[in-house]
PDB file of N, CA and C in Angstrom:
ATOM      1  N   MET A   1     -42.284  30.453  97.290  1.00  0.00           N
ATOM      2  CA  MET A   1     -41.102  30.902  97.972  1.00  0.00           C
ATOM      3  C   MET A   1     -41.094  32.360  98.001  1.00  0.00           C
ATOM      4  N   ASN A   2     -40.693  32.755  96.633  1.00  0.00           N
ATOM      5  CA  ASN A   2     -40.951  33.736  95.836  1.00  0.00           C
ATOM      6  C   ASN A   2     -41.662  34.337  96.618  1.00  0.00           C
ATOM      7  N   ARG A   3     -42.720  34.902  96.740  1.00  0.00           N
ATOM      8  CA  ARG A   3     -44.127  35.735  96.787  1.00  0.00           C
ATOM      9  C   ARG A   3     -43.980  35.620  98.708  1.00  0.00           C
ATOM     10  N   LEU A   4     -43.444  35.020  99.107  1.00  0.00           N
ATOM     11  CA  LEU A   4     -43.190  34.814 100.424  1.00  0.00           C
ATOM     12  C   LEU A   4     -41.989  36.125 101.040  1.00  0.00           C
ATOM     13  N   TYR A   5     -41.265  35.517  99.862  1.00  0.00           N
ATOM     14  CA  TYR A   5     -40.096  36.916 100.516  1.00  0.00           C
ATOM     15  C   TYR A   5     -40.235  37.831  99.742  1.00  0.00           C
ATOM     16  N   ASN A   6     -40.716  38.135  98.436  1.00  0.00           N
ATOM     17  CA  ASN A   6     -41.149  39.463  98.145  1.00  0.00           C
ATOM     18  C   ASN A   6     -42.153  40.144  98.629  1.00  0.00           C
ATOM     19  N   SER A   7     -43.070  39.424  99.598  1.00  0.00           N
ATOM     20  CA  SER A   7     -44.169  39.965 100.694  1.00  0.00           C
ATOM     21  C   SER A   7     -43.330  40.557 101.474  1.00  0.00           C
ATOM     22  N   LEU A   8     -42.436  39.690 102.126  1.00  0.00           N
ATOM     23  CA  LEU A   8     -41.847  39.930 103.767  1.00  0.00           C
ATOM     24  C   LEU A   8     -40.551  41.038 103.239  1.00  0.00           C
ATOM     25  N   LEU A   9     -40.029  41.083 102.255  1.00  0.00           N
ATOM     26  CA  LEU A   9     -39.263  42.218 101.932  1.00  0.00           C
ATOM     27  C   LEU A   9     -39.981  43.751 101.835  1.00  0.00           C
ATOM     28  N   PHE A  10     -41.062  43.744 101.053  1.00  0.00           N
ATOM     29  CA  PHE A  10     -42.441  44.693 101.176  1.00  0.00           C
ATOM     30  C   PHE A  10     -42.237  45.238 102.227  1.00  0.00           C
ATOM     31  N   LEU A  11     -42.758  44.520 103.335  1.00  0.00           N
ATOM     32  CA  LEU A  11     -43.368  44.638 104.270  1.00  0.00           C
ATOM     33  C   LEU A  11     -42.542  45.743 104.993  1.00  0.00           C
ATOM     34  N   ILE A  12     -40.893  44.941 105.491  1.00  0.00           N
ATOM     35  CA  ILE A  12     -39.833  45.507 106.245  1.00  0.00           C
ATOM     36  C   ILE A  12     -39.924  46.272 105.417  1.00  0.00           C
ATOM     37  N   ALA A  13     -39.992  47.069 104.232  1.00  0.00           N
ATOM     38  CA  ALA A  13     -39.571  48.385 103.620  1.00  0.00           C
ATOM     39  C   ALA A  13     -40.001  49.248 103.858  1.00  0.00           C
ATOM     40  N   ASN A  14     -41.594  49.296 104.549  1.00  0.00           N
ATOM     41  CA  ASN A  14     -42.697  50.135 104.194  1.00  0.00           C
ATOM     42  C   ASN A  14     -42.295  50.625 106.389  1.00  0.00           C
ATOM     43  N   THR A  15     -41.143  50.042 107.121  1.00  0.00           N
ATOM     44  CA  THR A  15     -41.522  50.413 108.214  1.00  0.00           C
ATOM     45  C   THR A  15     -40.955  50.866 108.460  1.00  0.00           C
ATOM     46  N   SER A  16     -40.678  51.752 110.164  1.00  0.00           N
ATOM     47  CA  SER A  16     -39.523  52.498 110.026  1.00  0.00           C
ATOM     48  C   SER A  16     -38.698  52.343 110.223  1.00  0.00           C
ATOM     49  N   ARG A  17     -38.523  50.993 110.881  1.00  0.00           N
ATOM     50  CA  ARG A  17     -36.975  50.719 111.337  1.00  0.00           C
ATOM     51  C   ARG A  17     -36.560  49.470 110.274  1.00  0.00           C
ATOM     52  N   ALA A  18     -36.429  49.771 108.891  1.00  0.00           N
ATOM     53  CA  ALA A  18     -36.081  48.789 107.611  1.00  0.00           C
ATOM     54  C   ALA A  18     -34.725  48.358 108.146  1.00  0.00           C
ATOM     55  N   GLU A  19     -33.706  49.579 108.026  1.00  0.00           N
ATOM     56  CA  GLU A  19     -32.420  49.098 108.167  1.00  0.00           C
ATOM     57  C   GLU A  19     -31.819  47.994 109.379  1.00  0.00           C
ATOM     58  N   LYS A  20     -32.351  48.084 110.648  1.00  0.00           N
ATOM     59  CA  LYS A  20     -33.112  47.654 111.891  1.00  0.00           C
ATOM     60  C   LYS A  20     -33.179  46.497 112.117  1.00  0.00           C
ATOM     61  N   ASN A  21     -34.087  45.866 110.792  1.00  0.00           N
ATOM     62  CA  ASN A  21     -35.002  45.078 110.814  1.00  0.00           C
ATOM     63  C   ASN A  21     -34.198  43.860 110.038  1.00  0.00           C
ATOM     64  N   LEU A  22     -33.841  44.304 108.920  1.00  0.00           N
ATOM     65  CA  LEU A  22     -33.372  43.637 107.596  1.00  0.00           C
ATOM     66  C   LEU A  22     -31.571  43.103 108.660  1.00  0.00           C
ATOM     67  N   GLU A  23     -30.960  43.600 109.460  1.00  0.00           N
ATOM     68  CA  GLU A  23     -29.922  43.362 110.125  1.00  0.00           C
ATOM     69  C   GLU A  23     -30.115  41.771 110.650  1.00  0.00           C
ATOM     70  N   LEU A  24     -31.241  42.259 111.474  1.00  0.00           N
ATOM     71  CA  LEU A  24     -31.523  41.494 112.386  1.00  0.00           C
ATOM     72  C   LEU A  24     -31.858  40.048 111.399  1.00  0.00           C
ATOM     73  N   ILE A  25     -32.708  40.030 110.445  1.00  0.00           N
ATOM     74  CA  ILE A  25     -32.917  38.813 109.428  1.00  0.00           C
ATOM     75  C   ILE A  25     -31.821  38.168 108.829  1.00  0.00           C
ATOM     76  N   MET A  26     -30.419  39.687 108.954  1.00  0.00           N
ATOM     77  CA  MET A  26     -29.356  38.514 108.271  1.00  0.00           C
ATOM     78  C   MET A  26     -28.645  38.223 109.073  1.00  0.00           C
ATOM     79  N   LEU A  27     -28.885  38.392 110.536  1.00  0.00           N
ATOM     80  CA  LEU A  27     -28.140  37.711 111.282  1.00  0.00           C
ATOM     81  C   LEU A  27     -29.084  36.374 111.836  1.00  0.00           C
ATOM     82  N   MET A  28     -30.156  35.945 111.653  1.00  0.00           N
ATOM     83  CA  MET A  28     -30.967  35.258 112.051  1.00  0.00           C
ATOM     84  C   MET A  28     -30.119  33.761 111.067  1.00  0.00           C
ATOM     85  N   LEU A  29     -30.683  34.369 109.554  1.00  0.00           N
ATOM     86  CA  LEU A  29     -29.754  33.956 108.455  1.00  0.00           C
ATOM     87  C   LEU A  29     -28.548  33.660 108.375  1.00  0.00           C
ATOM     88  N   GLN A  30     -27.809  33.548 108.917  1.00  0.00           N
ATOM     89  CA  GLN A  30     -26.713  33.874 109.634  1.00  0.00           C
ATOM     90  C   GLN A  30     -26.282  32.641 110.203  1.00  0.00           C
ATOM     91  N   SER A  31     -26.989  32.857 111.407  1.00  0.00           N
ATOM     92  CA  SER A  31     -27.158  31.421 112.431  1.00  0.00           C
ATOM     93  C   SER A  31     -27.357  30.506 112.051  1.00  0.00           C
ATOM     94  N   THR A  32     -28.638  30.159 111.359  1.00  0.00           N
ATOM     95  CA  THR A  32     -29.541  29.366 111.006  1.00  0.00           C
ATOM     96  C   THR A  32     -28.232  28.411 109.848  1.00  0.00           C
ATOM     97  N   THR A  33     -27.768  29.090 109.190  1.00  0.00           N
ATOM     98  CA  THR A  33     -26.829  28.989 107.840  1.00  0.00           C
ATOM     99  C   THR A  33     -25.420  27.905 108.892  1.00  0.00           C
ATOM    100  N   GLU A  34     -25.192  28.602 109.413  1.00  0.00           N
ATOM    101  CA  GLU A  34     -23.971  27.384 110.169  1.00  0.00           C
ATOM    102  C   GLU A  34     -24.558  26.153 111.463  1.00  0.00           C
ATOM    103  N   THR A  35     -26.039  26.712 111.901  1.00  0.00           N
ATOM    104  CA  THR A  35     -26.289  25.646 112.447  1.00  0.00           C
ATOM    105  C   THR A  35     -26.334  24.585 111.846  1.00  0.00           C
ATOM    106  N   ILE A  36     -26.539  24.974 110.537  1.00  0.00           N
ATOM    107  CA  ILE A  36     -26.834  23.697 109.420  1.00  0.00           C
ATOM    108  C   ILE A  36     -25.967  22.894 109.305  1.00  0.00           C
ATOM    109  N   LYS A  37     -25.006  23.844 108.382  1.00  0.00           N
ATOM    110  CA  LYS A  37     -23.572  23.243 108.589  1.00  0.00           C
ATOM    111  C   LYS A  37     -22.822  22.284 109.741  1.00  0.00           C
ATOM    112  N   ASN A  38     -23.186  22.786 110.975  1.00  0.00           N
ATOM    113  CA  ASN A  38     -22.794  22.162 111.612  1.00  0.00           C
ATOM    114  C   ASN A  38     -23.445  20.583 112.178  1.00  0.00           C
ATOM    115  N   ILE A  39     -25.146  21.178 111.723  1.00  0.00           N
ATOM    116  CA  ILE A  39     -25.328  19.413 111.713  1.00  0.00           C
ATOM    117  C   ILE A  39     -24.676  18.748 110.939  1.00  0.00           C
ATOM    118  N   LYS A  40     -24.955  18.981 109.431  1.00  0.00           N
ATOM    119  CA  LYS A  40     -24.732  18.406 109.231  1.00  0.00           C
ATOM    120  C   LYS A  40     -23.227  17.360 109.031  1.00  0.00           C
ATOM    121  N   SER A  41     -22.088  18.548 109.354  1.00  0.00           N
ATOM    122  CA  SER A  41     -21.032  17.653 110.257  1.00  0.00           C
ATOM    123  C   SER A  41     -21.104  16.866 111.056  1.00  0.00           C
ATOM    124  N   GLY A  42     -21.992  17.282 112.211  1.00  0.00           N
ATOM    125  CA  GLY A  42     -21.731  15.963 113.057  1.00  0.00           C
ATOM    126  C   GLY A  42     -22.685  14.712 112.350  1.00  0.00           C
ATOM    127  N   MET A  43     -23.607  14.443 111.560  1.00  0.00           N
ATOM    128  CA  MET A  43     -24.365  13.614 110.931  1.00  0.00           C
ATOM    129  C   MET A  43     -22.782  13.001 109.792  1.00  0.00           C
ATOM    130  N   ASP A  44     -22.195  13.664 109.439  1.00  0.00           N
ATOM    131  CA  ASP A  44     -21.029  12.976 108.303  1.00  0.00           C
ATOM    132  C   ASP A  44     -20.075  12.392 109.449  1.00  0.00           C
ATOM    133  N   SER A  45     -20.085  13.052 110.410  1.00  0.00           N
ATOM    134  CA  SER A  45     -18.580  11.989 111.793  1.00  0.00           C
ATOM    135  C   SER A  45     -19.770  11.344 112.302  1.00  0.00           C
ATOM    136  N   PHE A  46     -20.698  11.159 112.402  1.00  0.00           N
ATOM    137  CA  PHE A  46     -21.718  10.235 113.120  1.00  0.00           C
ATOM    138  C   PHE A  46     -21.589   8.979 111.973  1.00  0.00           C
ATOM    139  N   GLN A  47     -21.612   9.069 110.618  1.00  0.00           N
ATOM    140  CA  GLN A  47     -22.043   8.141 109.937  1.00  0.00           C
ATOM    141  C   GLN A  47     -20.517   7.787 109.705  1.00  0.00           C
ATOM    142  N   ALA A  48     -19.446   8.130 109.461  1.00  0.00           N
ATOM    143  CA  ALA A  48     -18.451   7.722 109.540  1.00  0.00           C
ATOM    144  C   ALA A  48     -17.929   6.643 110.862  1.00  0.00           C
ATOM    145  N   SER A  49     -18.278   7.414 111.672  1.00  0.00           N
ATOM    146  CA  SER A  49     -18.254   6.149 113.265  1.00  0.00           C
ATOM    147  C   SER A  49     -18.749   5.010 112.974  1.00  0.00           C
ATOM    148  N   VAL A  50     -20.145   5.465 112.829  1.00  0.00           N
ATOM    149  CA  VAL A  50     -20.783   3.633 112.686  1.00  0.00           C
ATOM    150  C   VAL A  50     -20.569   3.404 111.685  1.00  0.00           C
ATOM    151  N   LEU A  51     -19.917   3.737 110.263  1.00  0.00           N
ATOM    152  CA  LEU A  51     -19.277   2.560 108.924  1.00  0.00           C
ATOM    153  C   LEU A  51     -18.178   2.075 109.621  1.00  0.00           C
ATOM    154  N   LYS A  52     -17.227   2.695 110.655  1.00  0.00           N
ATOM    155  CA  LYS A  52     -16.203   1.922 110.823  1.00  0.00           C
ATOM    156  C   LYS A  52     -16.126   1.652 111.807  1.00  0.00           C
ATOM    157  N   MET A  53     -17.104   1.102 112.858  1.00  0.00           N
ATOM    158  CA  MET A  53     -17.442   0.108 114.139  1.00  0.00           C
ATOM    159  C   MET A  53     -18.107  -1.136 113.476  1.00  0.00           C
ATOM    160  N   THR A  54     -18.603  -1.149 112.135  1.00  0.00           N
ATOM    161  CA  THR A  54     -19.780  -1.957 111.598  1.00  0.00           C
ATOM    162  C   THR A  54     -18.803  -2.993 110.940  1.00  0.00           C
ATOM    163  N   GLN A  55     -17.361  -2.306 110.762  1.00  0.00           N
ATOM    164  CA  GLN A  55     -16.230  -2.539 109.538  1.00  0.00           C
ATOM    165  C   GLN A  55     -15.586  -3.112 110.687  1.00  0.00           C
ATOM    166  N   ASP A  56     -15.318  -3.038 111.817  1.00  0.00           N
ATOM    167  CA  ASP A  56     -14.491  -3.351 112.554  1.00  0.00           C
ATOM    168  C   ASP A  56     -15.218  -4.481 113.116  1.00  0.00           C
ATOM    169  N   MET A  57     -17.003  -4.490 113.600  1.00  0.00           N
ATOM    170  CA  MET A  57     -16.974  -5.600 113.828  1.00  0.00           C
ATOM    171  C   MET A  57     -17.114  -6.323 113.225  1.00  0.00           C
ATOM    172  N   GLN A  58     -17.484  -6.338 111.852  1.00  0.00           N
ATOM    173  CA  GLN A  58     -17.497  -7.346 110.361  1.00  0.00           C
ATOM    174  C   GLN A  58     -15.947  -8.402 111.169  1.00  0.00           C
ATOM    175  N   ASP A  59     -14.819  -7.321 110.923  1.00  0.00           N
ATOM    176  CA  ASP A  59     -13.503  -7.740 111.155  1.00  0.00           C
ATOM    177  C   ASP A  59     -13.087  -8.890 112.215  1.00  0.00           C
ATOM    178  N   SER A  60     -13.686  -8.021 113.269  1.00  0.00           N
ATOM    179  CA  SER A  60     -13.436  -9.117 114.317  1.00  0.00           C
ATOM    180  C   SER A  60     -13.974 -10.452 114.650  1.00  0.00           C
ATOM    181  N   SER A  61     -15.332 -10.773 113.873  1.00  0.00           N
ATOM    182  CA  SER A  61     -16.167 -11.886 113.758  1.00  0.00           C
ATOM    183  C   SER A  61     -15.544 -12.716 112.712  1.00  0.00           C
ATOM    184  N   SER A  62     -15.105 -11.772 111.648  1.00  0.00           N
ATOM    185  CA  SER A  62     -14.186 -12.982 111.062  1.00  0.00           C
ATOM    186  C   SER A  62     -12.699 -13.707 111.447  1.00  0.00           C
ATOM    187  N   SER A  63     -12.574 -12.842 112.230  1.00  0.00           N
ATOM    188  CA  SER A  63     -11.049 -13.521 112.245  1.00  0.00           C
ATOM    189  C   SER A  63     -11.167 -14.489 113.599  1.00  0.00           C
ATOM    190  N   GLY A  64     -12.929 -14.380 114.764  1.00  0.00           N
ATOM    191  CA  GLY A  64     -12.754 -15.068 115.194  1.00  0.00           C
ATOM    192  C   GLY A  64     -13.252 -16.542 114.490  1.00  0.00           C
ATOM    193  N   GLU A  65     -13.610 -16.555 114.051  1.00  0.00           N
ATOM    194  CA  GLU A  65     -14.387 -18.030 113.184  1.00  0.00           C
ATOM    195  C   GLU A  65     -12.768 -18.925 113.227  1.00  0.00           C
TER     196      GLU A  65
END
């Protein structure tokens, strides 16, 4: 991963619009970070809902007997 990262930085530094390219990369990384956080939050919410639903189903089947 470091080789790829270093190569990418070297290529970007040798272009005429290095600052603009770095800004674009920074924006992409920030949006990727936010997307991953949102996906993780959604998965955690989904898991909590499924666990609660499973517990409620077990409680209702226990009380029905």
